[in-house]
Amino acid sequence: MSITDELRDWFKDRMFMGNGWQEIHDIADRIDAEHERVVRERRRGCVYYDPERHYCSCHDFDVSGYVELPKDADGEHIQAGDVLDGYGKTIEVVELRYGRSGWVLISRDGNAYADTFAFTHYHAPTVEDVLQKLLEQAVGYSDAHTTVALDAIAEYAAKLRLAESEDA
C-alpha cells in the first residue's frame, strides 16, 4: 500500500487534462519514493528495545517497541561501529546500552561513556584543517582566523593538492 493509492484511485476513472495521466502517475511515484526514503531514514535512527514501552520519537509510522538511538553533538544518530571524536581522542563504538539513566556507549578500549552529546562523528582532517591547526599553533589562535590567514590557508591548500595530483 502506498501513500498515493487514494490519489491514483481518484483519477483513474476521470477524463481530464488531456494527456495528463502520465504526469500524475510520475508525481505519485515521486511522492511514494520520497515517503519511502523518509521512512527508511527515520527507521535507521531507531533500534528495537521493548514492545511494552511503545516509545519512540518517530511517531509518524508504526514503531511500537522501538526507541530512538542516541545522538552526537551534531544531532547525528550513533550506531555500533561508528567512530567518534570527543574528550580529545577518537573512539570506536562497539556496543550501545540503554539503562535507567539513558544511553551508554562502550568503546573498543572498554571505556563507557554516558554523555553522547560530548562526541561528534569522526571526519578525516582536510588539508585546510591541518594548515589551520599549524597556523593556530604558530601564531596563536586569535591571529589564525583573520581574513589574511584564511586566504593563505586556501591558497596553500590548493598548492598542496596540486602537488599531490602531480605525484600521482
N, C-alpha and C. Protein backbone atom coordinates (compact mmCIF):
# COMPACT_ATOMS: atom_id res chain seq x y z
N MET A 1 0.84 -1.18 0.00
CA MET A 1 0.00 0.00 0.00
C MET A 1 0.89 1.24 0.00
N SER A 2 0.62 2.17 -0.89
CA SER A 2 1.41 3.39 -0.95
C SER A 2 0.57 4.56 -0.45
N ILE A 3 1.24 5.65 -0.14
CA ILE A 3 0.51 6.81 0.36
C ILE A 3 -0.26 7.51 -0.74
N THR A 4 -0.03 7.16 -1.99
CA THR A 4 -0.75 7.81 -3.10
C THR A 4 -1.86 6.94 -3.68
N ASP A 5 -2.19 5.83 -3.04
CA ASP A 5 -3.25 4.95 -3.56
C ASP A 5 -4.57 5.68 -3.74
N GLU A 6 -4.96 6.50 -2.78
CA GLU A 6 -6.22 7.22 -2.88
C GLU A 6 -6.21 8.16 -4.08
N LEU A 7 -5.10 8.86 -4.28
CA LEU A 7 -4.98 9.75 -5.44
C LEU A 7 -5.07 8.96 -6.75
N ARG A 8 -4.38 7.85 -6.82
CA ARG A 8 -4.40 7.02 -8.03
C ARG A 8 -5.82 6.50 -8.30
N ASP A 9 -6.54 6.09 -7.26
CA ASP A 9 -7.92 5.62 -7.44
C ASP A 9 -8.84 6.74 -7.90
N TRP A 10 -8.64 7.93 -7.37
CA TRP A 10 -9.49 9.06 -7.70
C TRP A 10 -9.39 9.45 -9.18
N PHE A 11 -8.16 9.50 -9.72
CA PHE A 11 -8.04 9.99 -11.08
C PHE A 11 -8.12 8.92 -12.16
N LYS A 12 -8.15 7.64 -11.83
CA LYS A 12 -8.11 6.61 -12.87
C LYS A 12 -9.38 6.55 -13.72
N ASP A 13 -10.54 6.95 -13.16
CA ASP A 13 -11.78 6.91 -13.92
C ASP A 13 -12.24 8.29 -14.38
N ARG A 14 -11.40 9.27 -14.32
CA ARG A 14 -11.79 10.62 -14.70
C ARG A 14 -11.14 11.00 -16.03
N MET A 15 -11.84 11.82 -16.75
CA MET A 15 -11.30 12.30 -18.02
C MET A 15 -10.96 13.77 -17.81
N PHE A 16 -9.69 14.07 -17.77
CA PHE A 16 -9.27 15.45 -17.62
C PHE A 16 -7.81 15.58 -18.06
N MET A 17 -7.43 16.79 -18.25
CA MET A 17 -6.05 17.16 -18.56
C MET A 17 -5.51 16.50 -19.81
N GLY A 18 -6.32 16.13 -20.74
CA GLY A 18 -5.84 15.57 -21.99
C GLY A 18 -4.92 14.39 -21.77
N ASN A 19 -3.65 14.60 -21.95
CA ASN A 19 -2.66 13.54 -21.79
C ASN A 19 -1.97 13.63 -20.43
N GLY A 20 -2.62 14.15 -19.42
CA GLY A 20 -2.00 14.37 -18.12
C GLY A 20 -1.90 13.15 -17.23
N TRP A 21 -2.38 12.00 -17.70
CA TRP A 21 -2.34 10.79 -16.87
C TRP A 21 -0.92 10.43 -16.46
N GLN A 22 -0.01 10.45 -17.42
CA GLN A 22 1.37 10.04 -17.12
C GLN A 22 2.02 11.01 -16.13
N GLU A 23 1.73 12.31 -16.27
CA GLU A 23 2.30 13.28 -15.34
C GLU A 23 1.82 13.01 -13.92
N ILE A 24 0.53 12.68 -13.77
CA ILE A 24 0.01 12.39 -12.43
C ILE A 24 0.65 11.12 -11.88
N HIS A 25 0.81 10.10 -12.72
CA HIS A 25 1.50 8.88 -12.28
C HIS A 25 2.93 9.19 -11.85
N ASP A 26 3.63 10.03 -12.61
CA ASP A 26 5.01 10.38 -12.28
C ASP A 26 5.09 11.14 -10.95
N ILE A 27 4.15 12.06 -10.75
CA ILE A 27 4.12 12.81 -9.48
C ILE A 27 3.85 11.85 -8.32
N ALA A 28 2.88 10.96 -8.48
CA ALA A 28 2.56 10.00 -7.42
C ALA A 28 3.76 9.09 -7.14
N ASP A 29 4.48 8.68 -8.19
CA ASP A 29 5.67 7.85 -8.00
C ASP A 29 6.74 8.60 -7.21
N ARG A 30 6.93 9.90 -7.52
CA ARG A 30 7.94 10.69 -6.79
C ARG A 30 7.53 10.87 -5.33
N ILE A 31 6.23 11.06 -5.08
CA ILE A 31 5.74 11.19 -3.69
C ILE A 31 6.01 9.88 -2.94
N ASP A 32 5.67 8.74 -3.56
CA ASP A 32 5.90 7.44 -2.92
C ASP A 32 7.38 7.22 -2.64
N ALA A 33 8.24 7.56 -3.60
CA ALA A 33 9.68 7.36 -3.42
C ALA A 33 10.22 8.22 -2.28
N GLU A 34 9.80 9.47 -2.22
CA GLU A 34 10.26 10.35 -1.14
C GLU A 34 9.75 9.87 0.21
N HIS A 35 8.50 9.43 0.27
CA HIS A 35 7.95 8.90 1.51
C HIS A 35 8.74 7.69 1.98
N GLU A 36 9.03 6.77 1.08
CA GLU A 36 9.81 5.58 1.44
C GLU A 36 11.21 5.96 1.93
N ARG A 37 11.84 6.96 1.28
CA ARG A 37 13.16 7.41 1.70
C ARG A 37 13.12 7.96 3.12
N VAL A 38 12.10 8.78 3.42
CA VAL A 38 11.98 9.38 4.76
C VAL A 38 11.73 8.29 5.80
N VAL A 39 10.85 7.34 5.49
CA VAL A 39 10.55 6.25 6.43
C VAL A 39 11.81 5.43 6.69
N ARG A 40 12.56 5.10 5.63
CA ARG A 40 13.81 4.32 5.81
C ARG A 40 14.79 5.09 6.68
N GLU A 41 14.93 6.39 6.42
CA GLU A 41 15.87 7.21 7.18
C GLU A 41 15.46 7.28 8.65
N ARG A 42 14.17 7.45 8.92
CA ARG A 42 13.70 7.52 10.29
C ARG A 42 13.89 6.18 10.99
N ARG A 43 13.62 5.07 10.29
CA ARG A 43 13.79 3.75 10.91
C ARG A 43 15.25 3.46 11.19
N ARG A 44 16.15 4.00 10.35
CA ARG A 44 17.57 3.78 10.56
C ARG A 44 18.02 4.39 11.88
N GLY A 45 17.31 5.43 12.34
CA GLY A 45 17.64 6.08 13.59
C GLY A 45 16.98 5.45 14.79
N CYS A 46 16.29 4.32 14.62
CA CYS A 46 15.62 3.66 15.73
C CYS A 46 16.14 2.24 15.87
N VAL A 47 16.07 1.72 17.07
CA VAL A 47 16.50 0.36 17.32
C VAL A 47 15.46 -0.31 18.21
N TYR A 48 15.19 -1.57 17.99
CA TYR A 48 14.19 -2.28 18.78
C TYR A 48 14.62 -2.30 20.24
N TYR A 49 13.70 -1.99 21.13
CA TYR A 49 14.05 -2.01 22.55
C TYR A 49 13.10 -2.87 23.36
N ASP A 50 11.85 -2.44 23.55
CA ASP A 50 10.92 -3.15 24.43
C ASP A 50 9.49 -2.93 23.95
N PRO A 51 8.83 -3.99 23.49
CA PRO A 51 7.47 -3.83 22.95
C PRO A 51 6.47 -3.28 23.96
N GLU A 52 6.71 -3.46 25.24
CA GLU A 52 5.75 -3.00 26.23
C GLU A 52 5.86 -1.50 26.49
N ARG A 53 7.00 -0.90 26.15
CA ARG A 53 7.18 0.53 26.39
C ARG A 53 6.53 1.39 25.32
N HIS A 54 6.47 0.92 24.10
CA HIS A 54 5.88 1.66 22.97
C HIS A 54 6.41 3.08 22.91
N TYR A 55 7.72 3.22 23.00
CA TYR A 55 8.32 4.55 22.98
C TYR A 55 9.22 4.71 21.77
N CYS A 56 9.04 5.79 21.06
CA CYS A 56 9.95 6.21 20.01
C CYS A 56 9.56 7.61 19.60
N SER A 57 10.52 8.42 19.21
CA SER A 57 10.19 9.77 18.76
C SER A 57 9.71 9.77 17.32
N CYS A 58 9.73 8.64 16.67
CA CYS A 58 9.31 8.54 15.26
C CYS A 58 7.83 8.17 15.22
N HIS A 59 6.96 9.05 15.65
CA HIS A 59 5.54 8.74 15.81
C HIS A 59 4.76 8.67 14.50
N ASP A 60 5.35 9.04 13.37
CA ASP A 60 4.56 9.13 12.15
C ASP A 60 4.39 7.80 11.43
N PHE A 61 4.90 6.73 11.94
CA PHE A 61 4.60 5.40 11.41
C PHE A 61 4.67 4.41 12.56
N ASP A 62 4.17 3.21 12.34
CA ASP A 62 4.04 2.23 13.42
C ASP A 62 5.42 1.75 13.87
N VAL A 63 5.83 2.18 15.04
CA VAL A 63 7.14 1.79 15.57
C VAL A 63 7.01 1.25 16.99
N SER A 64 5.90 0.63 17.29
CA SER A 64 5.72 0.09 18.62
C SER A 64 6.91 -0.78 18.99
N GLY A 65 7.51 -0.51 20.11
CA GLY A 65 8.64 -1.31 20.56
C GLY A 65 9.98 -0.80 20.09
N TYR A 66 10.03 0.38 19.47
CA TYR A 66 11.30 0.93 19.03
C TYR A 66 11.68 2.11 19.92
N VAL A 67 12.95 2.35 20.07
CA VAL A 67 13.43 3.50 20.82
C VAL A 67 14.51 4.17 19.97
N GLU A 68 14.55 5.48 19.99
CA GLU A 68 15.49 6.22 19.15
C GLU A 68 16.91 6.03 19.66
N LEU A 69 17.84 5.85 18.71
CA LEU A 69 19.25 5.73 19.06
C LEU A 69 19.77 7.06 19.60
N PRO A 70 20.87 7.03 20.36
CA PRO A 70 21.41 8.29 20.88
C PRO A 70 21.97 9.14 19.75
N LYS A 71 22.10 10.43 20.02
CA LYS A 71 22.64 11.36 19.03
C LYS A 71 23.91 12.00 19.55
N ASP A 72 24.78 12.39 18.61
CA ASP A 72 26.01 13.08 18.99
C ASP A 72 25.72 14.58 19.10
N ALA A 73 26.76 15.37 19.31
CA ALA A 73 26.61 16.81 19.48
C ALA A 73 26.03 17.49 18.25
N ASP A 74 26.21 16.89 17.08
CA ASP A 74 25.70 17.46 15.83
C ASP A 74 24.30 16.96 15.49
N GLY A 75 23.73 16.09 16.34
CA GLY A 75 22.39 15.57 16.10
C GLY A 75 22.35 14.34 15.22
N GLU A 76 23.50 13.75 14.89
CA GLU A 76 23.54 12.52 14.09
C GLU A 76 23.39 11.31 15.00
N HIS A 77 22.64 10.30 14.54
CA HIS A 77 22.46 9.09 15.33
C HIS A 77 23.77 8.32 15.46
N ILE A 78 24.00 7.73 16.61
CA ILE A 78 25.20 6.93 16.88
C ILE A 78 24.81 5.47 16.83
N GLN A 79 25.59 4.67 16.10
CA GLN A 79 25.36 3.24 15.99
C GLN A 79 26.65 2.50 16.31
N ALA A 80 26.52 1.22 16.64
CA ALA A 80 27.71 0.40 16.87
C ALA A 80 28.53 0.40 15.59
N GLY A 81 29.85 0.55 15.73
CA GLY A 81 30.74 0.60 14.58
C GLY A 81 31.12 2.01 14.19
N ASP A 82 30.41 3.02 14.70
CA ASP A 82 30.74 4.41 14.38
C ASP A 82 32.04 4.81 15.07
N VAL A 83 32.77 5.69 14.43
CA VAL A 83 33.99 6.26 15.01
C VAL A 83 33.67 7.69 15.40
N LEU A 84 33.95 8.02 16.68
CA LEU A 84 33.58 9.32 17.23
C LEU A 84 34.78 10.05 17.79
N ASP A 85 34.72 11.38 17.78
CA ASP A 85 35.72 12.23 18.42
C ASP A 85 35.10 12.87 19.66
N GLY A 86 35.85 12.87 20.76
CA GLY A 86 35.39 13.51 21.98
C GLY A 86 36.42 13.36 23.07
N TYR A 87 36.45 14.28 23.99
CA TYR A 87 37.41 14.26 25.09
C TYR A 87 38.85 14.19 24.58
N GLY A 88 39.11 14.80 23.43
CA GLY A 88 40.47 14.84 22.90
C GLY A 88 40.97 13.53 22.33
N LYS A 89 40.09 12.57 22.08
CA LYS A 89 40.52 11.30 21.49
C LYS A 89 39.46 10.79 20.54
N THR A 90 39.82 9.78 19.78
CA THR A 90 38.92 9.14 18.83
C THR A 90 38.61 7.75 19.34
N ILE A 91 37.32 7.38 19.36
CA ILE A 91 36.92 6.06 19.84
C ILE A 91 36.06 5.36 18.79
N GLU A 92 36.05 4.03 18.85
CA GLU A 92 35.12 3.26 18.03
C GLU A 92 34.07 2.67 18.96
N VAL A 93 32.80 2.88 18.62
CA VAL A 93 31.70 2.36 19.43
C VAL A 93 31.50 0.89 19.07
N VAL A 94 31.61 0.00 20.08
CA VAL A 94 31.41 -1.43 19.83
C VAL A 94 30.09 -1.92 20.39
N GLU A 95 29.50 -1.14 21.30
CA GLU A 95 28.25 -1.56 21.91
C GLU A 95 27.49 -0.35 22.42
N LEU A 96 26.17 -0.42 22.33
CA LEU A 96 25.29 0.60 22.89
C LEU A 96 24.42 -0.07 23.94
N ARG A 97 24.30 0.55 25.09
CA ARG A 97 23.44 0.01 26.15
C ARG A 97 22.45 1.09 26.57
N TYR A 98 21.24 0.64 26.86
CA TYR A 98 20.23 1.58 27.34
C TYR A 98 19.82 1.14 28.73
N GLY A 99 19.95 2.04 29.69
CA GLY A 99 19.61 1.70 31.07
C GLY A 99 18.73 2.76 31.70
N ARG A 100 18.64 2.72 33.01
CA ARG A 100 17.78 3.65 33.74
C ARG A 100 18.16 5.11 33.52
N SER A 101 19.45 5.38 33.35
CA SER A 101 19.87 6.78 33.19
C SER A 101 20.10 7.16 31.73
N GLY A 102 19.72 6.29 30.79
CA GLY A 102 19.85 6.63 29.38
C GLY A 102 20.89 5.79 28.66
N TRP A 103 21.37 6.30 27.55
CA TRP A 103 22.30 5.57 26.70
C TRP A 103 23.72 5.61 27.24
N VAL A 104 24.43 4.49 27.03
CA VAL A 104 25.85 4.39 27.37
C VAL A 104 26.56 3.80 26.16
N LEU A 105 27.64 4.46 25.73
CA LEU A 105 28.47 3.97 24.64
C LEU A 105 29.63 3.18 25.22
N ILE A 106 29.88 2.00 24.68
CA ILE A 106 31.03 1.21 25.08
C ILE A 106 32.03 1.25 23.93
N SER A 107 33.25 1.70 24.23
CA SER A 107 34.27 1.83 23.17
C SER A 107 35.11 0.56 23.09
N ARG A 108 35.89 0.48 22.02
CA ARG A 108 36.74 -0.69 21.79
C ARG A 108 37.71 -0.92 22.95
N ASP A 109 38.16 0.17 23.59
CA ASP A 109 39.10 0.01 24.72
C ASP A 109 38.39 -0.32 26.03
N GLY A 110 37.08 -0.52 25.99
CA GLY A 110 36.34 -0.95 27.17
C GLY A 110 35.77 0.17 28.02
N ASN A 111 36.05 1.40 27.67
CA ASN A 111 35.51 2.52 28.43
C ASN A 111 34.03 2.73 28.11
N ALA A 112 33.29 3.24 29.09
CA ALA A 112 31.87 3.52 28.92
C ALA A 112 31.66 5.03 29.02
N TYR A 113 30.83 5.55 28.12
CA TYR A 113 30.54 6.98 28.08
C TYR A 113 29.03 7.19 28.07
N ALA A 114 28.53 7.93 29.07
CA ALA A 114 27.09 8.16 29.17
C ALA A 114 26.69 9.48 28.52
N ASP A 115 27.63 10.34 28.24
CA ASP A 115 27.33 11.66 27.68
C ASP A 115 27.60 11.69 26.18
N THR A 116 26.66 11.13 25.43
CA THR A 116 26.83 11.03 23.98
C THR A 116 26.96 12.39 23.32
N PHE A 117 26.40 13.43 23.94
CA PHE A 117 26.45 14.78 23.38
C PHE A 117 27.86 15.36 23.39
N ALA A 118 28.80 14.72 24.08
CA ALA A 118 30.17 15.20 24.12
C ALA A 118 30.98 14.71 22.92
N PHE A 119 30.37 13.92 22.04
CA PHE A 119 31.06 13.35 20.89
C PHE A 119 30.48 13.88 19.59
N THR A 120 31.31 13.83 18.55
CA THR A 120 30.87 14.07 17.18
C THR A 120 31.42 12.94 16.33
N HIS A 121 30.79 12.69 15.20
CA HIS A 121 31.29 11.65 14.31
C HIS A 121 32.64 12.09 13.72
N TYR A 122 33.55 11.16 13.64
CA TYR A 122 34.90 11.42 13.14
C TYR A 122 34.87 11.71 11.65
N HIS A 123 35.59 12.74 11.25
CA HIS A 123 35.78 13.06 9.84
C HIS A 123 37.28 13.26 9.63
N ALA A 124 37.84 12.59 8.64
CA ALA A 124 39.27 12.71 8.37
C ALA A 124 39.61 14.18 8.12
N PRO A 125 40.72 14.65 8.68
CA PRO A 125 41.08 16.06 8.51
C PRO A 125 41.41 16.38 7.05
N THR A 126 41.00 17.55 6.63
CA THR A 126 41.31 18.01 5.29
C THR A 126 42.64 18.76 5.31
N VAL A 127 43.14 19.10 4.14
CA VAL A 127 44.37 19.88 4.05
C VAL A 127 44.16 21.22 4.78
N GLU A 128 42.98 21.81 4.60
CA GLU A 128 42.68 23.07 5.27
C GLU A 128 42.71 22.92 6.78
N ASP A 129 42.18 21.81 7.29
CA ASP A 129 42.18 21.58 8.74
C ASP A 129 43.61 21.52 9.29
N VAL A 130 44.47 20.82 8.58
CA VAL A 130 45.87 20.67 9.02
C VAL A 130 46.58 22.02 8.99
N LEU A 131 46.38 22.77 7.91
CA LEU A 131 47.02 24.09 7.82
C LEU A 131 46.48 25.04 8.89
N GLN A 132 45.18 24.98 9.17
CA GLN A 132 44.58 25.83 10.20
C GLN A 132 45.19 25.52 11.56
N LYS A 133 45.34 24.24 11.88
CA LYS A 133 45.92 23.82 13.17
C LYS A 133 47.38 24.31 13.26
N LEU A 134 48.12 24.16 12.15
CA LEU A 134 49.51 24.62 12.12
C LEU A 134 49.59 26.11 12.38
N LEU A 135 48.72 26.86 11.72
CA LEU A 135 48.72 28.31 11.89
C LEU A 135 48.32 28.71 13.31
N GLU A 136 47.34 28.03 13.88
CA GLU A 136 46.93 28.31 15.25
C GLU A 136 48.08 28.10 16.23
N GLN A 137 48.85 27.04 16.02
CA GLN A 137 49.97 26.75 16.91
C GLN A 137 51.13 27.72 16.68
N ALA A 138 51.32 28.15 15.44
CA ALA A 138 52.45 29.02 15.12
C ALA A 138 52.23 30.46 15.54
N VAL A 139 51.05 31.01 15.30
CA VAL A 139 50.84 32.44 15.54
C VAL A 139 49.83 32.74 16.64
N GLY A 140 49.21 31.75 17.16
CA GLY A 140 48.19 31.99 18.18
C GLY A 140 46.80 31.90 17.60
N TYR A 141 45.88 31.47 18.40
CA TYR A 141 44.52 31.18 17.92
C TYR A 141 43.83 32.40 17.33
N SER A 142 43.89 33.56 17.98
CA SER A 142 43.15 34.73 17.50
C SER A 142 43.64 35.21 16.15
N ASP A 143 44.95 35.16 15.91
CA ASP A 143 45.50 35.62 14.65
C ASP A 143 45.28 34.62 13.52
N ALA A 144 44.94 33.37 13.84
CA ALA A 144 44.81 32.33 12.82
C ALA A 144 43.47 32.37 12.10
N HIS A 145 42.58 33.27 12.52
CA HIS A 145 41.25 33.31 11.91
C HIS A 145 40.96 34.64 11.22
N THR A 146 42.00 35.40 10.92
CA THR A 146 41.81 36.64 10.17
C THR A 146 41.58 36.32 8.71
N THR A 147 41.10 37.29 7.97
CA THR A 147 40.85 37.11 6.54
C THR A 147 42.13 36.76 5.81
N VAL A 148 43.24 37.43 6.17
CA VAL A 148 44.53 37.15 5.53
C VAL A 148 44.95 35.71 5.79
N ALA A 149 44.80 35.26 7.03
CA ALA A 149 45.19 33.89 7.38
C ALA A 149 44.32 32.87 6.64
N LEU A 150 43.02 33.11 6.58
CA LEU A 150 42.12 32.18 5.90
C LEU A 150 42.39 32.15 4.40
N ASP A 151 42.74 33.31 3.81
CA ASP A 151 43.10 33.35 2.38
C ASP A 151 44.38 32.57 2.14
N ALA A 152 45.35 32.71 3.04
CA ALA A 152 46.62 31.98 2.90
C ALA A 152 46.40 30.47 3.01
N ILE A 153 45.54 30.06 3.92
CA ILE A 153 45.23 28.63 4.08
C ILE A 153 44.61 28.09 2.79
N ALA A 154 43.67 28.83 2.22
CA ALA A 154 43.04 28.39 0.97
C ALA A 154 44.06 28.30 -0.16
N GLU A 155 44.96 29.29 -0.25
CA GLU A 155 45.98 29.29 -1.31
C GLU A 155 46.94 28.11 -1.18
N TYR A 156 47.45 27.89 0.03
CA TYR A 156 48.42 26.80 0.21
C TYR A 156 47.77 25.42 0.16
N ALA A 157 46.53 25.32 0.56
CA ALA A 157 45.81 24.04 0.44
C ALA A 157 45.67 23.66 -1.03
N ALA A 158 45.36 24.65 -1.89
CA ALA A 158 45.26 24.39 -3.33
C ALA A 158 46.60 23.96 -3.91
N LYS A 159 47.68 24.61 -3.46
CA LYS A 159 49.02 24.24 -3.95
C LYS A 159 49.39 22.83 -3.51
N LEU A 160 49.06 22.46 -2.27
CA LEU A 160 49.36 21.12 -1.80
C LEU A 160 48.57 20.06 -2.54
N ARG A 161 47.31 20.35 -2.82
CA ARG A 161 46.51 19.41 -3.60
C ARG A 161 47.04 19.26 -5.01
N LEU A 162 47.50 20.36 -5.60
CA LEU A 162 48.08 20.33 -6.96
C LEU A 162 49.35 19.50 -6.96
N ALA A 163 50.21 19.69 -5.95
CA ALA A 163 51.45 18.91 -5.86
C ALA A 163 51.15 17.43 -5.67
N GLU A 164 50.11 17.13 -4.90
CA GLU A 164 49.74 15.73 -4.68
C GLU A 164 49.24 15.08 -5.96
N SER A 165 48.47 15.84 -6.79
CA SER A 165 47.94 15.27 -8.03
C SER A 165 49.05 15.08 -9.06
N GLU A 166 50.10 15.92 -9.02
CA GLU A 166 51.22 15.74 -9.95
C GLU A 166 52.06 14.53 -9.61
N ASP A 167 52.12 14.17 -8.32
CA ASP A 167 52.87 12.97 -7.88
C ASP A 167 52.16 11.70 -8.30
N ALA A 168 50.86 11.76 -8.40
CA ALA A 168 50.09 10.55 -8.69
C ALA A 168 50.19 10.12 -10.14
